[in-house]
Amino acid sequence: MIAGLVLVWGLAVSAVFNPASAATIAIDVGHYREEPGATSARGRPEFAFNLDLARELETALQARGHVTQLIGADGGMRDLWRRPRAARGADLFISVHHDSTQARYQSTWVHEGTEQRYSDRFAGFSSFVSRENPGWRTGLRCASAIGGALVKAGFTPSLYHADPVLGENRPFADKTSGVHYYDHLAALRHAGMPALLFEAGVIVNREEEVGMRDGTVRKNIATSVAAGIDTCMEKDEGGRMKDEWKYNGKDNVHGK
């Protein structure tokens, strides 16, 4: 990912709108202000990174003609099940996050007079889908398309989440595109539409955090994610999405 960042910082990515792929995309800002997720190597909360990228992604998707719903942007949405419920009617739910590592792989350093935790061992993006989500096959197709677009743009998947020691033993759904299965993940299993969780980068990695803070890098990530969504939302001549899923009118596959 570090090498990829150098490439992408100077990369000009152009968006080409395809009217046939226009869709409604729900963008979930991961975590909330009281529990803001991971803390970066320089002490910035994950929620702040998530919000910045979610807004950039919203801009990129709207530029391509998609309708967007930004969920959790005020930082007050505590209950995970409320997020996919707020996305009812969307064609895709994507939860935006930034990654960390297990504490045992982290060390400490002092940044601007404050001790912070970091790990430069891991870097890269990843995505997760739940087979308990009724539209998981479409979610997987979207996650694969997003990963493919990111790789094409010079980014690298992290891969460590599949390792039983280094990660959490999350099996690969698509290794090349950095996609894993995470079946019991609440934000995905409660969704009544295709859903995925996207980790943009590892913010406890000191160099990768610099990239995640950089506006040009963030724009290139958002543009690549939007390009992947274009691919997976493509419709046939009859206006139906390829591999179209059927919304069951319930909050999750179990009907709860």
C-alpha atoms as a PDB file:
ATOM      1  CA  MET A   1       0.000   0.000   0.000  1.00  0.00           C
ATOM      2  CA  ILE A   2       2.858   2.396   0.772  1.00  0.00           C
ATOM      3  CA  ALA A   3       4.280   1.961  -2.737  1.00  0.00           C
ATOM      4  CA  GLY A   4       0.788   2.245  -4.134  1.00  0.00           C
ATOM      5  CA  LEU A   5       0.247   5.558  -2.366  1.00  0.00           C
ATOM      6  CA  VAL A   6       3.232   7.089  -4.130  1.00  0.00           C
ATOM      7  CA  LEU A   7       1.767   6.032  -7.465  1.00  0.00           C
ATOM      8  CA  VAL A   8      -1.750   7.208  -6.715  1.00  0.00           C
ATOM      9  CA  TRP A   9      -0.775  10.616  -5.314  1.00  0.00           C
ATOM     10  CA  GLY A  10       0.225  11.643  -8.820  1.00  0.00           C
ATOM     11  CA  LEU A  11      -2.539   9.770 -10.637  1.00  0.00           C
ATOM     12  CA  ALA A  12      -5.242  11.668 -12.474  1.00  0.00           C
ATOM     13  CA  VAL A  13      -8.467   9.659 -12.421  1.00  0.00           C
ATOM     14  CA  SER A  14     -11.351  10.774 -14.618  1.00  0.00           C
ATOM     15  CA  ALA A  15     -14.972   9.839 -14.022  1.00  0.00           C
ATOM     16  CA  VAL A  16     -17.123   8.792 -16.961  1.00  0.00           C
ATOM     17  CA  PHE A  17     -20.837   8.744 -16.235  1.00  0.00           C
ATOM     18  CA  ASN A  18     -22.788   5.767 -17.537  1.00  0.00           C
ATOM     19  CA  PRO A  19     -26.549   6.543 -17.296  1.00  0.00           C
ATOM     20  CA  ALA A  20     -27.352   2.819 -17.464  1.00  0.00           C
ATOM     21  CA  SER A  21     -25.685   2.250 -14.093  1.00  0.00           C
ATOM     22  CA  ALA A  22     -27.402   5.072 -12.153  1.00  0.00           C
ATOM     23  CA  ALA A  23     -28.566   3.839  -8.739  1.00  0.00           C
ATOM     24  CA  THR A  24     -29.377   4.910  -5.179  1.00  0.00           C
ATOM     25  CA  ILE A  25     -26.358   4.356  -2.935  1.00  0.00           C
ATOM     26  CA  ALA A  26     -26.520   4.544   0.876  1.00  0.00           C
ATOM     27  CA  ILE A  27     -23.165   5.646   2.326  1.00  0.00           C
ATOM     28  CA  ASP A  28     -22.810   4.787   5.999  1.00  0.00           C
ATOM     29  CA  VAL A  29     -20.237   6.742   8.041  1.00  0.00           C
ATOM     30  CA  GLY A  30     -18.731   4.074  10.262  1.00  0.00           C
ATOM     31  CA  HIS A  31     -18.869   4.553  14.084  1.00  0.00           C
ATOM     32  CA  TYR A  32     -20.126   7.628  15.959  1.00  0.00           C
ATOM     33  CA  ARG A  33     -18.654  10.405  18.078  1.00  0.00           C
ATOM     34  CA  GLU A  34     -18.993   8.719  21.487  1.00  0.00           C
ATOM     35  CA  GLU A  35     -17.325   5.549  20.199  1.00  0.00           C
ATOM     36  CA  PRO A  36     -15.291   6.782  17.228  1.00  0.00           C
ATOM     37  CA  GLY A  37     -13.552   3.516  16.352  1.00  0.00           C
ATOM     38  CA  ALA A  38      -9.797   3.134  15.974  1.00  0.00           C
ATOM     39  CA  THR A  39      -7.311   5.865  16.856  1.00  0.00           C
ATOM     40  CA  SER A  40      -4.724   6.722  14.226  1.00  0.00           C
ATOM     41  CA  ALA A  41      -0.972   6.738  14.770  1.00  0.00           C
ATOM     42  CA  ARG A  42      -1.179  10.491  15.330  1.00  0.00           C
ATOM     43  CA  GLY A  43      -4.238  10.427  17.580  1.00  0.00           C
ATOM     44  CA  ARG A  44      -7.041  11.225  15.138  1.00  0.00           C
ATOM     45  CA  PRO A  45     -10.286   9.244  15.634  1.00  0.00           C
ATOM     46  CA  GLU A  46     -11.411   6.891  12.880  1.00  0.00           C
ATOM     47  CA  PHE A  47     -14.825   8.548  12.695  1.00  0.00           C
ATOM     48  CA  ALA A  48     -13.183  11.737  11.365  1.00  0.00           C
ATOM     49  CA  PHE A  49     -11.455   9.771   8.579  1.00  0.00           C
ATOM     50  CA  ASN A  50     -14.696   7.939   7.787  1.00  0.00           C
ATOM     51  CA  LEU A  51     -16.688  11.151   7.536  1.00  0.00           C
ATOM     52  CA  ASP A  52     -14.151  12.802   5.224  1.00  0.00           C
ATOM     53  CA  LEU A  53     -14.068   9.821   2.870  1.00  0.00           C
ATOM     54  CA  ALA A  54     -17.846   9.316   2.943  1.00  0.00           C
ATOM     55  CA  ARG A  55     -18.384  12.910   1.869  1.00  0.00           C
ATOM     56  CA  GLU A  56     -15.787  12.534  -0.892  1.00  0.00           C
ATOM     57  CA  LEU A  57     -17.477   9.344  -2.054  1.00  0.00           C
ATOM     58  CA  GLU A  58     -20.850  11.079  -2.039  1.00  0.00           C
ATOM     59  CA  THR A  59     -19.442  13.762  -4.333  1.00  0.00           C
ATOM     60  CA  ALA A  60     -17.894  11.179  -6.668  1.00  0.00           C
ATOM     61  CA  LEU A  61     -21.112   9.163  -6.908  1.00  0.00           C
ATOM     62  CA  GLN A  62     -23.289  12.211  -7.512  1.00  0.00           C
ATOM     63  CA  ALA A  63     -20.923  13.321 -10.270  1.00  0.00           C
ATOM     64  CA  ARG A  64     -21.660   9.989 -11.966  1.00  0.00           C
ATOM     65  CA  GLY A  65     -25.409  10.528 -11.756  1.00  0.00           C
ATOM     66  CA  HIS A  66     -26.161   8.374  -8.711  1.00  0.00           C
ATOM     67  CA  VAL A  67     -28.548   9.335  -5.941  1.00  0.00           C
ATOM     68  CA  THR A  68     -26.903   9.153  -2.500  1.00  0.00           C
ATOM     69  CA  GLN A  69     -28.022   8.848   1.116  1.00  0.00           C
ATOM     70  CA  LEU A  70     -25.421   9.821   3.716  1.00  0.00           C
ATOM     71  CA  ILE A  71     -26.105   7.970   6.979  1.00  0.00           C
ATOM     72  CA  GLY A  72     -24.585   8.709  10.389  1.00  0.00           C
ATOM     73  CA  ALA A  73     -22.827  11.915   9.341  1.00  0.00           C
ATOM     74  CA  ASP A  74     -23.931  13.776  12.486  1.00  0.00           C
ATOM     75  CA  GLY A  75     -22.089  11.256  14.660  1.00  0.00           C
ATOM     76  CA  GLY A  76     -25.122  10.456  16.777  1.00  0.00           C
ATOM     77  CA  MET A  77     -26.335   7.128  15.381  1.00  0.00           C
ATOM     78  CA  ARG A  78     -25.394   4.602  18.075  1.00  0.00           C
ATOM     79  CA  ASP A  79     -27.481   1.558  17.081  1.00  0.00           C
ATOM     80  CA  LEU A  80     -26.028  -0.406  14.161  1.00  0.00           C
ATOM     81  CA  TRP A  81     -29.399  -1.826  13.116  1.00  0.00           C
ATOM     82  CA  ARG A  82     -30.741   1.681  12.535  1.00  0.00           C
ATOM     83  CA  ARG A  83     -28.207   2.339   9.784  1.00  0.00           C
ATOM     84  CA  PRO A  84     -29.428  -0.165   7.159  1.00  0.00           C
ATOM     85  CA  ARG A  85     -33.014   0.622   8.168  1.00  0.00           C
ATOM     86  CA  ALA A  86     -32.331   4.289   7.313  1.00  0.00           C
ATOM     87  CA  ALA A  87     -31.117   3.060   3.915  1.00  0.00           C
ATOM     88  CA  ARG A  88     -34.406   1.402   2.932  1.00  0.00           C
ATOM     89  CA  GLY A  89     -35.032   1.779  -0.780  1.00  0.00           C
ATOM     90  CA  ALA A  90     -31.331   2.004  -1.680  1.00  0.00           C
ATOM     91  CA  ASP A  91     -29.795  -0.282  -4.292  1.00  0.00           C
ATOM     92  CA  LEU A  92     -26.557  -0.655  -2.304  1.00  0.00           C
ATOM     93  CA  PHE A  93     -25.399  -0.023   1.271  1.00  0.00           C
ATOM     94  CA  ILE A  94     -21.679   0.686   1.774  1.00  0.00           C
ATOM     95  CA  SER A  95     -20.290   1.271   5.259  1.00  0.00           C
ATOM     96  CA  VAL A  96     -17.101   3.366   5.172  1.00  0.00           C
ATOM     97  CA  HIS A  97     -14.336   2.600   7.676  1.00  0.00           C
ATOM     98  CA  HIS A  98     -10.581   2.806   8.251  1.00  0.00           C
ATOM     99  CA  ASP A  99      -8.581  -0.066   9.657  1.00  0.00           C
ATOM    100  CA  SER A 100      -6.400  -0.908  12.642  1.00  0.00           C
ATOM    101  CA  THR A 101      -4.517  -4.002  13.845  1.00  0.00           C
ATOM    102  CA  GLN A 102      -4.522  -6.260  16.850  1.00  0.00           C
ATOM    103  CA  ALA A 103      -3.013  -4.484  19.864  1.00  0.00           C
ATOM    104  CA  ARG A 104      -0.225  -7.054  20.222  1.00  0.00           C
ATOM    105  CA  TYR A 105       1.277  -5.903  16.910  1.00  0.00           C
ATOM    106  CA  GLN A 106       1.363  -2.254  17.954  1.00  0.00           C
ATOM    107  CA  SER A 107       4.193  -0.238  19.481  1.00  0.00           C
ATOM    108  CA  THR A 108       4.281   3.249  20.983  1.00  0.00           C
ATOM    109  CA  TRP A 109       5.847   6.486  19.837  1.00  0.00           C
ATOM    110  CA  VAL A 110       5.536  10.127  20.835  1.00  0.00           C
ATOM    111  CA  HIS A 111       3.818  12.477  18.415  1.00  0.00           C
ATOM    112  CA  GLU A 112       3.606  16.167  19.293  1.00  0.00           C
ATOM    113  CA  GLY A 113       4.280  15.412  22.939  1.00  0.00           C
ATOM    114  CA  THR A 114       1.666  12.651  23.276  1.00  0.00           C
ATOM    115  CA  GLU A 115       2.299   8.917  23.340  1.00  0.00           C
ATOM    116  CA  GLN A 116       0.391   7.132  20.583  1.00  0.00           C
ATOM    117  CA  ARG A 117       0.127   3.545  19.385  1.00  0.00           C
ATOM    118  CA  TYR A 118       1.102   2.494  15.863  1.00  0.00           C
ATOM    119  CA  SER A 119       1.889  -0.506  13.682  1.00  0.00           C
ATOM    120  CA  ASP A 120       3.743  -0.128  10.395  1.00  0.00           C
ATOM    121  CA  ARG A 121       3.521  -3.878   9.753  1.00  0.00           C
ATOM    122  CA  PHE A 122       0.183  -3.804   7.911  1.00  0.00           C
ATOM    123  CA  ALA A 123      -1.250  -1.577   5.184  1.00  0.00           C
ATOM    124  CA  GLY A 124      -3.880  -1.621   2.470  1.00  0.00           C
ATOM    125  CA  PHE A 125      -7.630  -1.694   1.878  1.00  0.00           C
ATOM    126  CA  SER A 126     -10.144  -4.481   2.465  1.00  0.00           C
ATOM    127  CA  SER A 127     -13.864  -5.154   2.086  1.00  0.00           C
ATOM    128  CA  PHE A 128     -16.282  -7.467   3.875  1.00  0.00           C
ATOM    129  CA  VAL A 129     -19.601  -9.087   2.929  1.00  0.00           C
ATOM    130  CA  SER A 130     -22.021 -11.168   4.996  1.00  0.00           C
ATOM    131  CA  ARG A 131     -23.717 -14.273   3.620  1.00  0.00           C
ATOM    132  CA  GLU A 132     -26.529 -13.493   6.082  1.00  0.00           C
ATOM    133  CA  ASN A 133     -27.377 -10.475   3.931  1.00  0.00           C
ATOM    134  CA  PRO A 134     -30.147 -11.290   1.406  1.00  0.00           C
ATOM    135  CA  GLY A 135     -28.322  -9.530  -1.421  1.00  0.00           C
ATOM    136  CA  TRP A 136     -24.851 -10.792  -0.518  1.00  0.00           C
ATOM    137  CA  ARG A 137     -24.009 -12.041  -4.008  1.00  0.00           C
ATOM    138  CA  THR A 138     -24.551  -8.576  -5.420  1.00  0.00           C
ATOM    139  CA  GLY A 139     -22.680  -7.142  -2.428  1.00  0.00           C
ATOM    140  CA  LEU A 140     -19.777  -9.443  -3.235  1.00  0.00           C
ATOM    141  CA  ARG A 141     -19.879  -8.452  -6.894  1.00  0.00           C
ATOM    142  CA  CYS A 142     -19.722  -4.791  -5.851  1.00  0.00           C
ATOM    143  CA  ALA A 143     -16.899  -5.380  -3.354  1.00  0.00           C
ATOM    144  CA  SER A 144     -14.918  -7.226  -6.042  1.00  0.00           C
ATOM    145  CA  ALA A 145     -15.509  -4.447  -8.554  1.00  0.00           C
ATOM    146  CA  ILE A 146     -14.430  -1.820  -6.011  1.00  0.00           C
ATOM    147  CA  GLY A 147     -11.294  -3.786  -5.160  1.00  0.00           C
ATOM    148  CA  GLY A 148     -10.487  -4.215  -8.833  1.00  0.00           C
ATOM    149  CA  ALA A 149     -10.822  -0.481  -9.451  1.00  0.00           C
ATOM    150  CA  LEU A 150      -8.604   0.310  -6.452  1.00  0.00           C
ATOM    151  CA  VAL A 151      -5.925  -2.134  -7.605  1.00  0.00           C
ATOM    152  CA  LYS A 152      -6.056  -0.611 -11.082  1.00  0.00           C
ATOM    153  CA  ALA A 153      -5.526   2.818  -9.467  1.00  0.00           C
ATOM    154  CA  GLY A 154      -2.395   1.580  -7.674  1.00  0.00           C
ATOM    155  CA  PHE A 155      -3.763   0.658  -4.246  1.00  0.00           C
ATOM    156  CA  THR A 156      -3.057  -2.696  -2.593  1.00  0.00           C
ATOM    157  CA  PRO A 157      -5.360  -4.992  -0.558  1.00  0.00           C
ATOM    158  CA  SER A 158      -4.205  -5.675   2.996  1.00  0.00           C
ATOM    159  CA  LEU A 159      -4.993  -9.446   3.047  1.00  0.00           C
ATOM    160  CA  TYR A 160      -4.041  -9.927   6.725  1.00  0.00           C
ATOM    161  CA  HIS A 161      -7.630 -10.265   7.954  1.00  0.00           C
ATOM    162  CA  ALA A 162      -7.731 -13.815   6.545  1.00  0.00           C
ATOM    163  CA  ASP A 163      -4.783 -14.951   8.661  1.00  0.00           C
ATOM    164  CA  PRO A 164      -5.809 -16.829  11.854  1.00  0.00           C
ATOM    165  CA  VAL A 165      -2.913 -15.273  13.790  1.00  0.00           C
ATOM    166  CA  LEU A 166      -2.270 -11.857  12.236  1.00  0.00           C
ATOM    167  CA  GLY A 167      -5.925 -11.121  11.532  1.00  0.00           C
ATOM    168  CA  GLU A 168      -9.295 -12.519  12.582  1.00  0.00           C
ATOM    169  CA  ASN A 169      -9.432 -15.572  10.296  1.00  0.00           C
ATOM    170  CA  ARG A 170     -11.921 -13.920   7.944  1.00  0.00           C
ATOM    171  CA  PRO A 171     -11.942 -16.182   4.867  1.00  0.00           C
ATOM    172  CA  PHE A 172     -11.398 -14.718   1.430  1.00  0.00           C
ATOM    173  CA  ALA A 173     -14.388 -14.182  -0.812  1.00  0.00           C
ATOM    174  CA  ASP A 174     -12.134 -12.662  -3.495  1.00  0.00           C
ATOM    175  CA  LYS A 175      -8.448 -12.499  -2.549  1.00  0.00           C
ATOM    176  CA  THR A 176      -7.338 -10.537  -5.598  1.00  0.00           C
ATOM    177  CA  SER A 177      -9.754  -7.731  -4.742  1.00  0.00           C
ATOM    178  CA  GLY A 178      -9.233  -7.918  -0.968  1.00  0.00           C
ATOM    179  CA  VAL A 179     -12.750  -9.134  -0.126  1.00  0.00           C
ATOM    180  CA  HIS A 180     -13.525 -11.259   2.952  1.00  0.00           C
ATOM    181  CA  TYR A 181     -16.580 -12.979   4.385  1.00  0.00           C
ATOM    182  CA  TYR A 182     -17.760 -11.608   7.752  1.00  0.00           C
ATOM    183  CA  ASP A 183     -21.096 -13.312   8.195  1.00  0.00           C
ATOM    184  CA  HIS A 184     -22.284 -12.008  11.567  1.00  0.00           C
ATOM    185  CA  LEU A 185     -21.420  -8.348  11.013  1.00  0.00           C
ATOM    186  CA  ALA A 186     -24.490  -6.488  12.270  1.00  0.00           C
ATOM    187  CA  ALA A 187     -24.475  -3.564   9.851  1.00  0.00           C
ATOM    188  CA  LEU A 188     -24.515  -5.989   6.909  1.00  0.00           C
ATOM    189  CA  ARG A 189     -26.762  -8.792   8.133  1.00  0.00           C
ATOM    190  CA  HIS A 190     -29.525  -6.332   9.076  1.00  0.00           C
ATOM    191  CA  ALA A 191     -29.545  -4.737   5.621  1.00  0.00           C
ATOM    192  CA  GLY A 192     -32.436  -5.532   3.305  1.00  0.00           C
ATOM    193  CA  MET A 193     -30.349  -4.621   0.250  1.00  0.00           C
ATOM    194  CA  PRO A 194     -26.896  -5.662  -1.013  1.00  0.00           C
ATOM    195  CA  ALA A 195     -24.341  -4.415   1.496  1.00  0.00           C
ATOM    196  CA  LEU A 196     -20.602  -4.282   2.106  1.00  0.00           C
ATOM    197  CA  LEU A 197     -18.164  -2.776   4.586  1.00  0.00           C
ATOM    198  CA  PHE A 198     -15.122  -0.998   3.143  1.00  0.00           C
ATOM    199  CA  GLU A 199     -11.877  -0.383   5.050  1.00  0.00           C
ATOM    200  CA  ALA A 200      -9.962   2.279   3.099  1.00  0.00           C
ATOM    201  CA  GLY A 201      -6.573   1.886   4.784  1.00  0.00           C
ATOM    202  CA  VAL A 202      -4.728   1.151   8.015  1.00  0.00           C
ATOM    203  CA  ILE A 203      -4.582   4.384  10.008  1.00  0.00           C
ATOM    204  CA  VAL A 204      -2.296   3.001  12.720  1.00  0.00           C
ATOM    205  CA  ASN A 205       0.332   2.651   9.991  1.00  0.00           C
ATOM    206  CA  ARG A 206       2.205   5.956  10.191  1.00  0.00           C
ATOM    207  CA  GLU A 207       2.872   6.358   6.470  1.00  0.00           C
ATOM    208  CA  GLU A 208      -0.532   5.110   5.377  1.00  0.00           C
ATOM    209  CA  GLU A 209      -2.194   7.531   7.782  1.00  0.00           C
ATOM    210  CA  VAL A 210      -0.472  10.385   5.929  1.00  0.00           C
ATOM    211  CA  GLY A 211      -2.046   9.099   2.726  1.00  0.00           C
ATOM    212  CA  MET A 212      -5.491   8.763   4.280  1.00  0.00           C
ATOM    213  CA  ARG A 213      -5.273  12.403   5.423  1.00  0.00           C
ATOM    214  CA  ASP A 214      -4.202  13.617   1.964  1.00  0.00           C
ATOM    215  CA  GLY A 215      -7.041  15.124  -0.048  1.00  0.00           C
ATOM    216  CA  THR A 216      -5.699  13.897  -3.388  1.00  0.00           C
ATOM    217  CA  VAL A 217      -5.363  10.323  -2.159  1.00  0.00           C
ATOM    218  CA  ARG A 218      -8.822  10.469  -0.585  1.00  0.00           C
ATOM    219  CA  LYS A 219     -10.293  11.731  -3.868  1.00  0.00           C
ATOM    220  CA  ASN A 220      -8.599   8.924  -5.819  1.00  0.00           C
ATOM    221  CA  ILE A 221      -9.951   6.323  -3.376  1.00  0.00           C
ATOM    222  CA  ALA A 222     -13.461   7.763  -3.678  1.00  0.00           C
ATOM    223  CA  THR A 223     -13.234   7.924  -7.478  1.00  0.00           C
ATOM    224  CA  SER A 224     -12.085   4.300  -7.622  1.00  0.00           C
ATOM    225  CA  VAL A 225     -14.849   3.135  -5.280  1.00  0.00           C
ATOM    226  CA  ALA A 226     -17.406   5.015  -7.377  1.00  0.00           C
ATOM    227  CA  ALA A 227     -16.022   3.392 -10.548  1.00  0.00           C
ATOM    228  CA  GLY A 228     -16.421  -0.038  -8.950  1.00  0.00           C
ATOM    229  CA  ILE A 229     -19.996   0.772  -7.961  1.00  0.00           C
ATOM    230  CA  ASP A 230     -20.693   1.838 -11.544  1.00  0.00           C
ATOM    231  CA  THR A 231     -19.502  -1.571 -12.710  1.00  0.00           C
ATOM    232  CA  CYS A 232     -21.569  -3.616 -10.284  1.00  0.00           C
ATOM    233  CA  MET A 233     -24.696  -1.467 -10.675  1.00  0.00           C
ATOM    234  CA  GLU A 234     -24.687  -1.842 -14.452  1.00  0.00           C
ATOM    235  CA  LYS A 235     -28.118  -2.659 -15.849  1.00  0.00           C
ATOM    236  CA  ASP A 236     -29.227  -4.617 -18.889  1.00  0.00           C
ATOM    237  CA  GLU A 237     -31.261  -3.242 -21.789  1.00  0.00           C
ATOM    238  CA  GLY A 238     -34.459  -3.841 -19.837  1.00  0.00           C
ATOM    239  CA  GLY A 239     -33.239  -1.595 -17.010  1.00  0.00           C
ATOM    240  CA  ARG A 240     -32.668  -4.459 -14.580  1.00  0.00           C
ATOM    241  CA  MET A 241     -29.468  -4.824 -12.603  1.00  0.00           C
ATOM    242  CA  LYS A 242     -27.340  -7.799 -13.599  1.00  0.00           C
ATOM    243  CA  ASP A 243     -27.678 -10.669 -11.106  1.00  0.00           C
ATOM    244  CA  GLU A 244     -30.621  -8.715  -9.708  1.00  0.00           C
ATOM    245  CA  TRP A 245     -31.535  -9.478  -6.100  1.00  0.00           C
ATOM    246  CA  LYS A 246     -35.055  -9.389  -4.719  1.00  0.00           C
ATOM    247  CA  TYR A 247     -35.748  -7.121  -1.731  1.00  0.00           C
ATOM    248  CA  ASN A 248     -37.847  -9.092   0.761  1.00  0.00           C
ATOM    249  CA  GLY A 249     -39.250  -6.049   2.575  1.00  0.00           C
ATOM    250  CA  LYS A 250     -37.603  -7.106   5.830  1.00  0.00           C
ATOM    251  CA  ASP A 251     -34.614  -5.835   7.739  1.00  0.00           C
ATOM    252  CA  ASN A 252     -32.507  -8.948   7.214  1.00  0.00           C
ATOM    253  CA  VAL A 253     -32.516 -12.471   5.872  1.00  0.00           C
ATOM    254  CA  HIS A 254     -34.102 -13.754   9.088  1.00  0.00           C
ATOM    255  CA  GLY A 255     -36.996 -11.290   8.801  1.00  0.00           C
ATOM    256  CA  LYS A 256     -36.269  -9.551  12.099  1.00  0.00           C
END
